[in-house]
Amino acid sequence: MGSSGGGGGAAAAQIPTSFGHELRACLRCRLVKTYDQFRESGCENCPFFKMDDDHERIVDCTTPNFNGIISVMDPARSWAARWLRIARFVPGCYTLAVSEALPEDMQIMCQDSRVHYTPPQRL
């Protein structure tokens, strides 16, 4: 199959196989996949969470509560991806917003991995 499109270096994330109740969004990068897809391959943007090894982390690091979905094929060239601050992430489906914060121990894991985490804004 191969990847299509222009300049992408990183492999794309899995596209959700279903758009039902099993969809979840990563609390750090907002990538949207099904629970089973996170269990199989973790989060392509946040491999340090090791969700594919520790399935308890899927519940800690993702949420079923999110608003909207955007599909991004070329994040570096997409104005929408830049606006949503996902331009450096892999191509895939992302939520527009999550309202839950990442648990504190997972925030520490981000710091230890030298990865930026921005908690959701309170409205």
PDB file of N, CA and C in Angstrom:
ATOM      1  N   MET A   1       0.814  -1.192   0.000  1.00  0.00           N
ATOM      2  CA  MET A   1       0.000   0.000   0.000  1.00  0.00           C
ATOM      3  C   MET A   1       0.857   1.254   0.000  1.00  0.00           C
ATOM      4  N   GLY A   2       1.683   1.445   1.033  1.00  0.00           N
ATOM      5  CA  GLY A   2       2.518   2.637   1.076  1.00  0.00           C
ATOM      6  C   GLY A   2       1.738   3.861   1.489  1.00  0.00           C
ATOM      7  N   SER A   3       2.447   4.929   1.760  1.00  0.00           N
ATOM      8  CA  SER A   3       1.757   6.159   2.155  1.00  0.00           C
ATOM      9  C   SER A   3       1.614   7.056   0.943  1.00  0.00           C
ATOM     10  N   SER A   4       0.549   7.805   0.936  1.00  0.00           N
ATOM     11  CA  SER A   4       0.337   8.724  -0.164  1.00  0.00           C
ATOM     12  C   SER A   4       0.592  10.140   0.310  1.00  0.00           C
ATOM     13  N   GLY A   5       0.708  11.039  -0.617  1.00  0.00           N
ATOM     14  CA  GLY A   5       0.835  12.439  -0.250  1.00  0.00           C
ATOM     15  C   GLY A   5       2.257  12.927  -0.336  1.00  0.00           C
ATOM     16  N   GLY A   6       2.419  14.170   0.047  1.00  0.00           N
ATOM     17  CA  GLY A   6       3.667  14.897  -0.112  1.00  0.00           C
ATOM     18  C   GLY A   6       4.730  14.558   0.889  1.00  0.00           C
ATOM     19  N   GLY A   7       5.164  15.514   1.682  1.00  0.00           N
ATOM     20  CA  GLY A   7       6.418  15.422   2.371  1.00  0.00           C
ATOM     21  C   GLY A   7       6.492  14.629   3.642  1.00  0.00           C
ATOM     22  N   GLY A   8       5.495  13.871   4.048  1.00  0.00           N
ATOM     23  CA  GLY A   8       5.470  13.263   5.374  1.00  0.00           C
ATOM     24  C   GLY A   8       6.630  12.340   5.664  1.00  0.00           C
ATOM     25  N   GLY A   9       7.244  12.486   6.847  1.00  0.00           N
ATOM     26  CA  GLY A   9       8.301  11.598   7.250  1.00  0.00           C
ATOM     27  C   GLY A   9       7.781  10.524   8.177  1.00  0.00           C
ATOM     28  N   ALA A  10       6.935  10.893   9.132  1.00  0.00           N
ATOM     29  CA  ALA A  10       6.431   9.945  10.114  1.00  0.00           C
ATOM     30  C   ALA A  10       5.304   9.120   9.522  1.00  0.00           C
ATOM     31  N   ALA A  11       5.229   7.878   9.992  1.00  0.00           N
ATOM     32  CA  ALA A  11       4.124   7.022   9.571  1.00  0.00           C
ATOM     33  C   ALA A  11       2.819   7.573  10.133  1.00  0.00           C
ATOM     34  N   ALA A  12       1.745   7.316   9.443  1.00  0.00           N
ATOM     35  CA  ALA A  12       0.445   7.793   9.902  1.00  0.00           C
ATOM     36  C   ALA A  12      -0.086   6.915  11.023  1.00  0.00           C
ATOM     37  N   ALA A  13      -0.934   7.491  11.849  1.00  0.00           N
ATOM     38  CA  ALA A  13      -1.609   6.743  12.897  1.00  0.00           C
ATOM     39  C   ALA A  13      -2.722   5.915  12.269  1.00  0.00           C
ATOM     40  N   GLN A  14      -3.150   4.891  12.977  1.00  0.00           N
ATOM     41  CA  GLN A  14      -4.281   4.100  12.514  1.00  0.00           C
ATOM     42  C   GLN A  14      -5.529   4.979  12.472  1.00  0.00           C
ATOM     43  N   ILE A  15      -6.346   4.780  11.464  1.00  0.00           N
ATOM     44  CA  ILE A  15      -7.635   5.467  11.366  1.00  0.00           C
ATOM     45  C   ILE A  15      -8.638   4.637  12.159  1.00  0.00           C
ATOM     46  N   PRO A  16      -9.519   5.266  12.928  1.00  0.00           N
ATOM     47  CA  PRO A  16     -10.492   4.481  13.700  1.00  0.00           C
ATOM     48  C   PRO A  16     -11.268   3.509  12.815  1.00  0.00           C
ATOM     49  N   THR A  17     -11.420   2.290  13.300  1.00  0.00           N
ATOM     50  CA  THR A  17     -12.137   1.268  12.550  1.00  0.00           C
ATOM     51  C   THR A  17     -13.634   1.351  12.792  1.00  0.00           C
ATOM     52  N   SER A  18     -14.025   2.185  13.752  1.00  0.00           N
ATOM     53  CA  SER A  18     -15.435   2.339  14.092  1.00  0.00           C
ATOM     54  C   SER A  18     -15.619   3.734  14.663  1.00  0.00           C
ATOM     55  N   PHE A  19     -16.790   4.307  14.480  1.00  0.00           N
ATOM     56  CA  PHE A  19     -17.049   5.619  15.058  1.00  0.00           C
ATOM     57  C   PHE A  19     -18.173   5.527  16.086  1.00  0.00           C
ATOM     58  N   GLY A  20     -18.154   4.435  16.854  1.00  0.00           N
ATOM     59  CA  GLY A  20     -19.162   4.221  17.895  1.00  0.00           C
ATOM     60  C   GLY A  20     -18.649   4.633  19.262  1.00  0.00           C
ATOM     61  N   HIS A  21     -19.211   4.004  20.280  1.00  0.00           N
ATOM     62  CA  HIS A  21     -18.907   4.369  21.663  1.00  0.00           C
ATOM     63  C   HIS A  21     -17.503   3.962  22.119  1.00  0.00           C
ATOM     64  N   GLU A  22     -16.818   3.120  21.338  1.00  0.00           N
ATOM     65  CA  GLU A  22     -15.501   2.662  21.778  1.00  0.00           C
ATOM     66  C   GLU A  22     -14.372   3.628  21.415  1.00  0.00           C
ATOM     67  N   LEU A  23     -14.695   4.761  20.788  1.00  0.00           N
ATOM     68  CA  LEU A  23     -13.667   5.749  20.455  1.00  0.00           C
ATOM     69  C   LEU A  23     -13.131   6.417  21.705  1.00  0.00           C
ATOM     70  N   ARG A  24     -11.820   6.650  21.695  1.00  0.00           N
ATOM     71  CA  ARG A  24     -11.153   7.323  22.805  1.00  0.00           C
ATOM     72  C   ARG A  24     -10.147   8.315  22.223  1.00  0.00           C
ATOM     73  N   ALA A  25      -9.827   9.359  22.990  1.00  0.00           N
ATOM     74  CA  ALA A  25      -8.841  10.354  22.569  1.00  0.00           C
ATOM     75  C   ALA A  25      -7.705  10.392  23.576  1.00  0.00           C
ATOM     76  N   CYS A  26      -6.475  10.449  23.089  1.00  0.00           N
ATOM     77  CA  CYS A  26      -5.311  10.577  23.957  1.00  0.00           C
ATOM     78  C   CYS A  26      -5.384  11.928  24.670  1.00  0.00           C
ATOM     79  N   LEU A  27      -5.188  11.928  25.974  1.00  0.00           N
ATOM     80  CA  LEU A  27      -5.278  13.161  26.747  1.00  0.00           C
ATOM     81  C   LEU A  27      -4.088  14.094  26.506  1.00  0.00           C
ATOM     82  N   ARG A  28      -2.989  13.581  25.956  1.00  0.00           N
ATOM     83  CA  ARG A  28      -1.855  14.459  25.666  1.00  0.00           C
ATOM     84  C   ARG A  28      -1.943  15.036  24.259  1.00  0.00           C
ATOM     85  N   CYS A  29      -2.048  14.185  23.242  1.00  0.00           N
ATOM     86  CA  CYS A  29      -1.962  14.676  21.856  1.00  0.00           C
ATOM     87  C   CYS A  29      -3.316  14.760  21.162  1.00  0.00           C
ATOM     88  N   ARG A  30      -4.363  14.188  21.774  1.00  0.00           N
ATOM     89  CA  ARG A  30      -5.731  14.221  21.262  1.00  0.00           C
ATOM     90  C   ARG A  30      -5.961  13.309  20.046  1.00  0.00           C
ATOM     91  N   LEU A  31      -5.056  12.351  19.799  1.00  0.00           N
ATOM     92  CA  LEU A  31      -5.259  11.357  18.751  1.00  0.00           C
ATOM     93  C   LEU A  31      -6.481  10.509  19.090  1.00  0.00           C
ATOM     94  N   VAL A  32      -7.329  10.253  18.099  1.00  0.00           N
ATOM     95  CA  VAL A  32      -8.554   9.474  18.302  1.00  0.00           C
ATOM     96  C   VAL A  32      -8.429   8.117  17.613  1.00  0.00           C
ATOM     97  N   LYS A  33      -8.652   7.058  18.401  1.00  0.00           N
ATOM     98  CA  LYS A  33      -8.685   5.688  17.889  1.00  0.00           C
ATOM     99  C   LYS A  33      -9.653   4.904  18.775  1.00  0.00           C
ATOM    100  N   THR A  34      -9.904   3.658  18.413  1.00  0.00           N
ATOM    101  CA  THR A  34     -10.727   2.829  19.283  1.00  0.00           C
ATOM    102  C   THR A  34      -9.866   2.300  20.433  1.00  0.00           C
ATOM    103  N   TYR A  35     -10.541   1.850  21.479  1.00  0.00           N
ATOM    104  CA  TYR A  35      -9.832   1.244  22.615  1.00  0.00           C
ATOM    105  C   TYR A  35      -8.935   0.113  22.113  1.00  0.00           C
ATOM    106  N   ASP A  36      -9.478  -0.761  21.236  1.00  0.00           N
ATOM    107  CA  ASP A  36      -8.703  -1.898  20.737  1.00  0.00           C
ATOM    108  C   ASP A  36      -7.470  -1.453  19.964  1.00  0.00           C
ATOM    109  N   GLN A  37      -7.583  -0.353  19.216  1.00  0.00           N
ATOM    110  CA  GLN A  37      -6.423   0.137  18.466  1.00  0.00           C
ATOM    111  C   GLN A  37      -5.349   0.673  19.412  1.00  0.00           C
ATOM    112  N   PHE A  38      -5.743   1.368  20.480  1.00  0.00           N
ATOM    113  CA  PHE A  38      -4.748   1.798  21.476  1.00  0.00           C
ATOM    114  C   PHE A  38      -4.114   0.567  22.127  1.00  0.00           C
ATOM    115  N   ARG A  39      -4.905  -0.481  22.370  1.00  0.00           N
ATOM    116  CA  ARG A  39      -4.379  -1.698  22.996  1.00  0.00           C
ATOM    117  C   ARG A  39      -3.375  -2.387  22.071  1.00  0.00           C
ATOM    118  N   GLU A  40      -3.664  -2.389  20.772  1.00  0.00           N
ATOM    119  CA  GLU A  40      -2.790  -3.064  19.807  1.00  0.00           C
ATOM    120  C   GLU A  40      -1.502  -2.297  19.551  1.00  0.00           C
ATOM    121  N   SER A  41      -1.596  -0.972  19.356  1.00  0.00           N
ATOM    122  CA  SER A  41      -0.407  -0.236  18.903  1.00  0.00           C
ATOM    123  C   SER A  41      -0.100   1.019  19.708  1.00  0.00           C
ATOM    124  N   GLY A  42      -0.797   1.227  20.822  1.00  0.00           N
ATOM    125  CA  GLY A  42      -0.517   2.404  21.638  1.00  0.00           C
ATOM    126  C   GLY A  42      -0.852   3.687  20.906  1.00  0.00           C
ATOM    127  N   CYS A  43      -0.241   4.769  21.341  1.00  0.00           N
ATOM    128  CA  CYS A  43      -0.427   6.072  20.712  1.00  0.00           C
ATOM    129  C   CYS A  43       0.824   6.393  19.894  1.00  0.00           C
ATOM    130  N   GLU A  44       0.629   6.653  18.618  1.00  0.00           N
ATOM    131  CA  GLU A  44       1.776   6.919  17.732  1.00  0.00           C
ATOM    132  C   GLU A  44       2.536   8.180  18.110  1.00  0.00           C
ATOM    133  N   ASN A  45       1.886   9.142  18.748  1.00  0.00           N
ATOM    134  CA  ASN A  45       2.561  10.371  19.172  1.00  0.00           C
ATOM    135  C   ASN A  45       3.173  10.269  20.560  1.00  0.00           C
ATOM    136  N   CYS A  46       2.676   9.347  21.364  1.00  0.00           N
ATOM    137  CA  CYS A  46       3.080   9.238  22.770  1.00  0.00           C
ATOM    138  C   CYS A  46       3.524   7.815  23.110  1.00  0.00           C
ATOM    139  N   PRO A  47       4.545   7.288  22.418  1.00  0.00           N
ATOM    140  CA  PRO A  47       4.945   5.895  22.655  1.00  0.00           C
ATOM    141  C   PRO A  47       5.461   5.650  24.078  1.00  0.00           C
ATOM    142  N   PHE A  48       5.927   6.705  24.755  1.00  0.00           N
ATOM    143  CA  PHE A  48       6.455   6.569  26.115  1.00  0.00           C
ATOM    144  C   PHE A  48       5.377   6.162  27.118  1.00  0.00           C
ATOM    145  N   PHE A  49       4.080   6.342  26.771  1.00  0.00           N
ATOM    146  CA  PHE A  49       3.003   5.869  27.650  1.00  0.00           C
ATOM    147  C   PHE A  49       2.907   4.345  27.623  1.00  0.00           C
ATOM    148  N   LYS A  50       3.423   3.705  26.575  1.00  0.00           N
ATOM    149  CA  LYS A  50       3.435   2.247  26.446  1.00  0.00           C
ATOM    150  C   LYS A  50       2.047   1.626  26.678  1.00  0.00           C
ATOM    151  N   MET A  51       1.025   2.238  26.079  1.00  0.00           N
ATOM    152  CA  MET A  51      -0.343   1.731  26.236  1.00  0.00           C
ATOM    153  C   MET A  51      -0.503   0.319  25.678  1.00  0.00           C
ATOM    154  N   ASP A  52       0.308  -0.014  24.661  1.00  0.00           N
ATOM    155  CA  ASP A  52       0.204  -1.358  24.077  1.00  0.00           C
ATOM    156  C   ASP A  52       0.787  -2.423  24.997  1.00  0.00           C
ATOM    157  N   ASP A  53       1.637  -2.040  25.960  1.00  0.00           N
ATOM    158  CA  ASP A  53       2.198  -2.982  26.934  1.00  0.00           C
ATOM    159  C   ASP A  53       1.391  -3.013  28.225  1.00  0.00           C
ATOM    160  N   ASP A  54       0.909  -1.864  28.659  1.00  0.00           N
ATOM    161  CA  ASP A  54       0.181  -1.747  29.922  1.00  0.00           C
ATOM    162  C   ASP A  54      -1.227  -1.234  29.626  1.00  0.00           C
ATOM    163  N   HIS A  55      -2.176  -2.146  29.511  1.00  0.00           N
ATOM    164  CA  HIS A  55      -3.521  -1.787  29.068  1.00  0.00           C
ATOM    165  C   HIS A  55      -4.269  -0.925  30.076  1.00  0.00           C
ATOM    166  N   GLU A  56      -3.842  -0.921  31.351  1.00  0.00           N
ATOM    167  CA  GLU A  56      -4.434  -0.018  32.345  1.00  0.00           C
ATOM    168  C   GLU A  56      -4.188   1.437  31.940  1.00  0.00           C
ATOM    169  N   ARG A  57      -3.078   1.674  31.262  1.00  0.00           N
ATOM    170  CA  ARG A  57      -2.718   3.042  30.856  1.00  0.00           C
ATOM    171  C   ARG A  57      -3.679   3.608  29.832  1.00  0.00           C
ATOM    172  N   ILE A  58      -4.349   2.750  29.067  1.00  0.00           N
ATOM    173  CA  ILE A  58      -5.300   3.247  28.073  1.00  0.00           C
ATOM    174  C   ILE A  58      -6.387   4.041  28.788  1.00  0.00           C
ATOM    175  N   VAL A  59      -6.868   3.518  29.907  1.00  0.00           N
ATOM    176  CA  VAL A  59      -7.906   4.209  30.675  1.00  0.00           C
ATOM    177  C   VAL A  59      -7.337   5.479  31.316  1.00  0.00           C
ATOM    178  N   ASP A  60      -6.075   5.432  31.760  1.00  0.00           N
ATOM    179  CA  ASP A  60      -5.453   6.596  32.393  1.00  0.00           C
ATOM    180  C   ASP A  60      -5.130   7.704  31.395  1.00  0.00           C
ATOM    181  N   CYS A  61      -4.717   7.335  30.189  1.00  0.00           N
ATOM    182  CA  CYS A  61      -4.177   8.303  29.229  1.00  0.00           C
ATOM    183  C   CYS A  61      -5.146   8.707  28.128  1.00  0.00           C
ATOM    184  N   THR A  62      -6.319   8.090  28.083  1.00  0.00           N
ATOM    185  CA  THR A  62      -7.288   8.439  27.046  1.00  0.00           C
ATOM    186  C   THR A  62      -8.647   8.681  27.685  1.00  0.00           C
ATOM    187  N   THR A  63      -9.540   9.280  26.921  1.00  0.00           N
ATOM    188  CA  THR A  63     -10.886   9.555  27.410  1.00  0.00           C
ATOM    189  C   THR A  63     -11.908   9.305  26.307  1.00  0.00           C
ATOM    190  N   PRO A  64     -13.102   8.831  26.688  1.00  0.00           N
ATOM    191  CA  PRO A  64     -14.163   8.721  25.695  1.00  0.00           C
ATOM    192  C   PRO A  64     -14.936  10.037  25.538  1.00  0.00           C
ATOM    193  N   ASN A  65     -14.591  11.037  26.368  1.00  0.00           N
ATOM    194  CA  ASN A  65     -15.300  12.321  26.368  1.00  0.00           C
ATOM    195  C   ASN A  65     -14.489  13.375  25.627  1.00  0.00           C
ATOM    196  N   PHE A  66     -14.908  13.686  24.416  1.00  0.00           N
ATOM    197  CA  PHE A  66     -14.203  14.697  23.626  1.00  0.00           C
ATOM    198  C   PHE A  66     -15.181  15.322  22.654  1.00  0.00           C
ATOM    199  N   ASN A  67     -14.777  16.440  22.065  1.00  0.00           N
ATOM    200  CA  ASN A  67     -15.638  17.199  21.158  1.00  0.00           C
ATOM    201  C   ASN A  67     -15.050  17.268  19.761  1.00  0.00           C
ATOM    202  N   GLY A  68     -15.779  16.743  18.780  1.00  0.00           N
ATOM    203  CA  GLY A  68     -15.390  16.881  17.383  1.00  0.00           C
ATOM    204  C   GLY A  68     -14.204  16.035  16.977  1.00  0.00           C
ATOM    205  N   ILE A  69     -14.092  15.779  15.682  1.00  0.00           N
ATOM    206  CA  ILE A  69     -12.960  15.032  15.131  1.00  0.00           C
ATOM    207  C   ILE A  69     -12.514  15.729  13.854  1.00  0.00           C
ATOM    208  N   ILE A  70     -11.203  15.829  13.685  1.00  0.00           N
ATOM    209  CA  ILE A  70     -10.622  16.347  12.449  1.00  0.00           C
ATOM    210  C   ILE A  70      -9.644  15.290  11.943  1.00  0.00           C
ATOM    211  N   SER A  71      -9.665  15.049  10.647  1.00  0.00           N
ATOM    212  CA  SER A  71      -8.698  14.146  10.024  1.00  0.00           C
ATOM    213  C   SER A  71      -7.615  15.000   9.389  1.00  0.00           C
ATOM    214  N   VAL A  72      -6.356  14.688   9.703  1.00  0.00           N
ATOM    215  CA  VAL A  72      -5.235  15.477   9.206  1.00  0.00           C
ATOM    216  C   VAL A  72      -4.297  14.558   8.428  1.00  0.00           C
ATOM    217  N   MET A  73      -4.148  14.839   7.133  1.00  0.00           N
ATOM    218  CA  MET A  73      -3.291  14.017   6.283  1.00  0.00           C
ATOM    219  C   MET A  73      -1.876  14.557   6.203  1.00  0.00           C
ATOM    220  N   ASP A  74      -1.708  15.880   6.275  1.00  0.00           N
ATOM    221  CA  ASP A  74      -0.381  16.503   6.180  1.00  0.00           C
ATOM    222  C   ASP A  74      -0.286  17.580   7.255  1.00  0.00           C
ATOM    223  N   PRO A  75      -0.064  17.154   8.521  1.00  0.00           N
ATOM    224  CA  PRO A  75      -0.114  18.108   9.644  1.00  0.00           C
ATOM    225  C   PRO A  75       0.792  19.315   9.484  1.00  0.00           C
ATOM    226  N   ALA A  76       1.977  19.148   8.921  1.00  0.00           N
ATOM    227  CA  ALA A  76       2.926  20.257   8.822  1.00  0.00           C
ATOM    228  C   ALA A  76       2.431  21.355   7.887  1.00  0.00           C
ATOM    229  N   ARG A  77       1.593  21.000   6.916  1.00  0.00           N
ATOM    230  CA  ARG A  77       1.117  21.988   5.950  1.00  0.00           C
ATOM    231  C   ARG A  77      -0.312  22.442   6.203  1.00  0.00           C
ATOM    232  N   SER A  78      -0.957  21.905   7.229  1.00  0.00           N
ATOM    233  CA  SER A  78      -2.357  22.212   7.498  1.00  0.00           C
ATOM    234  C   SER A  78      -2.491  23.395   8.456  1.00  0.00           C
ATOM    235  N   TRP A  79      -3.208  24.429   8.039  1.00  0.00           N
ATOM    236  CA  TRP A  79      -3.425  25.568   8.947  1.00  0.00           C
ATOM    237  C   TRP A  79      -4.261  25.125  10.136  1.00  0.00           C
ATOM    238  N   ALA A  80      -5.202  24.202   9.908  1.00  0.00           N
ATOM    239  CA  ALA A  80      -6.044  23.723  11.007  1.00  0.00           C
ATOM    240  C   ALA A  80      -5.200  22.967  12.034  1.00  0.00           C
ATOM    241  N   ALA A  81      -4.252  22.171  11.560  1.00  0.00           N
ATOM    242  CA  ALA A  81      -3.368  21.440  12.476  1.00  0.00           C
ATOM    243  C   ALA A  81      -2.494  22.413  13.269  1.00  0.00           C
ATOM    244  N   ARG A  82      -2.015  23.454  12.619  1.00  0.00           N
ATOM    245  CA  ARG A  82      -1.223  24.458  13.350  1.00  0.00           C
ATOM    246  C   ARG A  82      -2.091  25.156  14.394  1.00  0.00           C
ATOM    247  N   TRP A  83      -3.316  25.515  14.027  1.00  0.00           N
ATOM    248  CA  TRP A  83      -4.231  26.198  14.938  1.00  0.00           C
ATOM    249  C   TRP A  83      -4.559  25.331  16.149  1.00  0.00           C
ATOM    250  N   LEU A  84      -4.710  24.011  15.903  1.00  0.00           N
ATOM    251  CA  LEU A  84      -5.006  23.071  16.991  1.00  0.00           C
ATOM    252  C   LEU A  84      -3.749  22.597  17.716  1.00  0.00           C
ATOM    253  N   ARG A  85      -2.595  23.063  17.278  1.00  0.00           N
ATOM    254  CA  ARG A  85      -1.300  22.693  17.852  1.00  0.00           C
ATOM    255  C   ARG A  85      -1.015  21.190  17.741  1.00  0.00           C
ATOM    256  N   ILE A  86      -1.365  20.628  16.590  1.00  0.00           N
ATOM    257  CA  ILE A  86      -1.065  19.215  16.334  1.00  0.00           C
ATOM    258  C   ILE A  86      -0.203  19.048  15.078  1.00  0.00           C
ATOM    259  N   ALA A  87       0.402  20.152  14.605  1.00  0.00           N
ATOM    260  CA  ALA A  87       1.163  20.126  13.353  1.00  0.00           C
ATOM    261  C   ALA A  87       2.400  19.232  13.418  1.00  0.00           C
ATOM    262  N   ARG A  88       2.898  18.951  14.624  1.00  0.00           N
ATOM    263  CA  ARG A  88       4.102  18.112  14.744  1.00  0.00           C
ATOM    264  C   ARG A  88       3.766  16.651  14.988  1.00  0.00           C
ATOM    265  N   PHE A  89       2.483  16.335  15.017  1.00  0.00           N
ATOM    266  CA  PHE A  89       2.060  14.960  15.260  1.00  0.00           C
ATOM    267  C   PHE A  89       1.903  14.207  13.948  1.00  0.00           C
ATOM    268  N   VAL A  90       1.737  12.889  14.037  1.00  0.00           N
ATOM    269  CA  VAL A  90       1.595  12.053  12.844  1.00  0.00           C
ATOM    270  C   VAL A  90       0.220  12.281  12.205  1.00  0.00           C
ATOM    271  N   PRO A  91       0.096  12.051  10.902  1.00  0.00           N
ATOM    272  CA  PRO A  91      -1.222  12.134  10.277  1.00  0.00           C
ATOM    273  C   PRO A  91      -2.192  11.169  10.960  1.00  0.00           C
ATOM    274  N   GLY A  92      -3.443  11.579  11.075  1.00  0.00           N
ATOM    275  CA  GLY A  92      -4.446  10.724  11.710  1.00  0.00           C
ATOM    276  C   GLY A  92      -5.689  11.515  12.048  1.00  0.00           C
ATOM    277  N   CYS A  93      -6.538  10.942  12.896  1.00  0.00           N
ATOM    278  CA  CYS A  93      -7.766  11.596  13.352  1.00  0.00           C
ATOM    279  C   CYS A  93      -7.538  12.142  14.756  1.00  0.00           C
ATOM    280  N   TYR A  94      -7.927  13.378  14.967  1.00  0.00           N
ATOM    281  CA  TYR A  94      -7.726  14.054  16.245  1.00  0.00           C
ATOM    282  C   TYR A  94      -9.024  14.689  16.711  1.00  0.00           C
ATOM    283  N   THR A  95      -9.165  14.828  18.018  1.00  0.00           N
ATOM    284  CA  THR A  95     -10.308  15.551  18.542  1.00  0.00           C
ATOM    285  C   THR A  95      -9.980  17.033  18.587  1.00  0.00           C
ATOM    286  N   LEU A  96     -10.998  17.853  18.523  1.00  0.00           N
ATOM    287  CA  LEU A  96     -10.803  19.296  18.618  1.00  0.00           C
ATOM    288  C   LEU A  96     -10.491  19.700  20.050  1.00  0.00           C
ATOM    289  N   ALA A  97     -11.064  18.989  21.031  1.00  0.00           N
ATOM    290  CA  ALA A  97     -10.844  19.368  22.431  1.00  0.00           C
ATOM    291  C   ALA A  97     -11.158  18.218  23.370  1.00  0.00           C
ATOM    292  N   VAL A  98     -10.355  18.115  24.422  1.00  0.00           N
ATOM    293  CA  VAL A  98     -10.670  17.247  25.555  1.00  0.00           C
ATOM    294  C   VAL A  98     -10.795  18.151  26.777  1.00  0.00           C
ATOM    295  N   SER A  99     -11.621  17.759  27.723  1.00  0.00           N
ATOM    296  CA  SER A  99     -11.813  18.600  28.912  1.00  0.00           C
ATOM    297  C   SER A  99     -11.129  18.030  30.146  1.00  0.00           C
ATOM    298  N   GLU A 100     -10.659  16.788  30.063  1.00  0.00           N
ATOM    299  CA  GLU A 100      -9.995  16.157  31.202  1.00  0.00           C
ATOM    300  C   GLU A 100      -8.488  16.389  31.125  1.00  0.00           C
ATOM    301  N   ALA A 101      -7.863  16.504  32.286  1.00  0.00           N
ATOM    302  CA  ALA A 101      -6.409  16.619  32.348  1.00  0.00           C
ATOM    303  C   ALA A 101      -5.793  15.228  32.467  1.00  0.00           C
ATOM    304  N   LEU A 102      -4.572  15.114  32.014  1.00  0.00           N
ATOM    305  CA  LEU A 102      -3.802  13.889  32.161  1.00  0.00           C
ATOM    306  C   LEU A 102      -3.514  13.686  33.650  1.00  0.00           C
ATOM    307  N   PRO A 103      -3.631  12.453  34.177  1.00  0.00           N
ATOM    308  CA  PRO A 103      -3.310  12.227  35.593  1.00  0.00           C
ATOM    309  C   PRO A 103      -1.885  12.682  35.921  1.00  0.00           C
ATOM    310  N   GLU A 104      -1.688  13.081  37.167  1.00  0.00           N
ATOM    311  CA  GLU A 104      -0.409  13.674  37.566  1.00  0.00           C
ATOM    312  C   GLU A 104       0.783  12.754  37.301  1.00  0.00           C
ATOM    313  N   ASP A 105       0.631  11.449  37.562  1.00  0.00           N
ATOM    314  CA  ASP A 105       1.757  10.536  37.321  1.00  0.00           C
ATOM    315  C   ASP A 105       2.087  10.437  35.831  1.00  0.00           C
ATOM    316  N   MET A 106       1.080  10.596  34.965  1.00  0.00           N
ATOM    317  CA  MET A 106       1.334  10.585  33.525  1.00  0.00           C
ATOM    318  C   MET A 106       1.960  11.913  33.083  1.00  0.00           C
ATOM    319  N   GLN A 107       1.603  13.020  33.762  1.00  0.00           N
ATOM    320  CA  GLN A 107       2.242  14.306  33.478  1.00  0.00           C
ATOM    321  C   GLN A 107       3.727  14.236  33.825  1.00  0.00           C
ATOM    322  N   ILE A 108       4.044  13.565  34.929  1.00  0.00           N
ATOM    323  CA  ILE A 108       5.446  13.391  35.331  1.00  0.00           C
ATOM    324  C   ILE A 108       6.175  12.541  34.292  1.00  0.00           C
ATOM    325  N   MET A 109       5.481  11.526  33.754  1.00  0.00           N
ATOM    326  CA  MET A 109       6.083  10.698  32.708  1.00  0.00           C
ATOM    327  C   MET A 109       6.415  11.551  31.480  1.00  0.00           C
ATOM    328  N   CYS A 110       5.550  12.507  31.136  1.00  0.00           N
ATOM    329  CA  CYS A 110       5.826  13.422  30.021  1.00  0.00           C
ATOM    330  C   CYS A 110       7.093  14.232  30.313  1.00  0.00           C
ATOM    331  N   GLN A 111       7.186  14.772  31.537  1.00  0.00           N
ATOM    332  CA  GLN A 111       8.368  15.550  31.914  1.00  0.00           C
ATOM    333  C   GLN A 111       9.621  14.692  31.823  1.00  0.00           C
ATOM    334  N   ASP A 112       9.547  13.458  32.336  1.00  0.00           N
ATOM    335  CA  ASP A 112      10.700  12.558  32.302  1.00  0.00           C
ATOM    336  C   ASP A 112      11.122  12.231  30.872  1.00  0.00           C
ATOM    337  N   SER A 113      10.153  12.197  29.966  1.00  0.00           N
ATOM    338  CA  SER A 113      10.438  11.913  28.551  1.00  0.00           C
ATOM    339  C   SER A 113      10.756  13.182  27.768  1.00  0.00           C
ATOM    340  N   ARG A 114      10.796  14.323  28.472  1.00  0.00           N
ATOM    341  CA  ARG A 114      11.048  15.630  27.861  1.00  0.00           C
ATOM    342  C   ARG A 114      10.054  15.940  26.748  1.00  0.00           C
ATOM    343  N   VAL A 115       8.781  15.669  27.037  1.00  0.00           N
ATOM    344  CA  VAL A 115       7.694  15.886  26.082  1.00  0.00           C
ATOM    345  C   VAL A 115       6.751  16.916  26.668  1.00  0.00           C
ATOM    346  N   HIS A 116       6.364  17.892  25.852  1.00  0.00           N
ATOM    347  CA  HIS A 116       5.492  18.973  26.310  1.00  0.00           C
ATOM    348  C   HIS A 116       4.069  18.468  26.523  1.00  0.00           C
ATOM    349  N   TYR A 117       3.454  18.895  27.624  1.00  0.00           N
ATOM    350  CA  TYR A 117       2.045  18.615  27.883  1.00  0.00           C
ATOM    351  C   TYR A 117       1.368  19.899  28.310  1.00  0.00           C
ATOM    352  N   THR A 118       0.245  20.227  27.657  1.00  0.00           N
ATOM    353  CA  THR A 118      -0.538  21.398  28.026  1.00  0.00           C
ATOM    354  C   THR A 118      -1.908  20.927  28.495  1.00  0.00           C
ATOM    355  N   PRO A 119      -2.236  21.174  29.768  1.00  0.00           N
ATOM    356  CA  PRO A 119      -3.575  20.767  30.247  1.00  0.00           C
ATOM    357  C   PRO A 119      -4.661  21.549  29.526  1.00  0.00           C
ATOM    358  N   PRO A 120      -5.882  20.986  29.461  1.00  0.00           N
ATOM    359  CA  PRO A 120      -6.964  21.694  28.781  1.00  0.00           C
ATOM    360  C   PRO A 120      -7.309  22.991  29.504  1.00  0.00           C
ATOM    361  N   GLN A 121      -7.751  23.977  28.729  1.00  0.00           N
ATOM    362  CA  GLN A 121      -8.141  25.269  29.291  1.00  0.00           C
ATOM    363  C   GLN A 121      -9.478  25.147  29.975  1.00  0.00           C
ATOM    364  N   ARG A 122      -9.604  25.768  31.118  1.00  0.00           N
ATOM    365  CA  ARG A 122     -10.906  25.821  31.804  1.00  0.00           C
ATOM    366  C   ARG A 122     -11.730  26.946  31.196  1.00  0.00           C
ATOM    367  N   LEU A 123     -12.959  26.656  30.849  1.00  0.00           N
ATOM    368  CA  LEU A 123     -13.812  27.680  30.250  1.00  0.00           C
ATOM    369  C   LEU A 123     -14.762  28.264  31.266  1.00  0.00           C
TER     370      LEU A 123
END
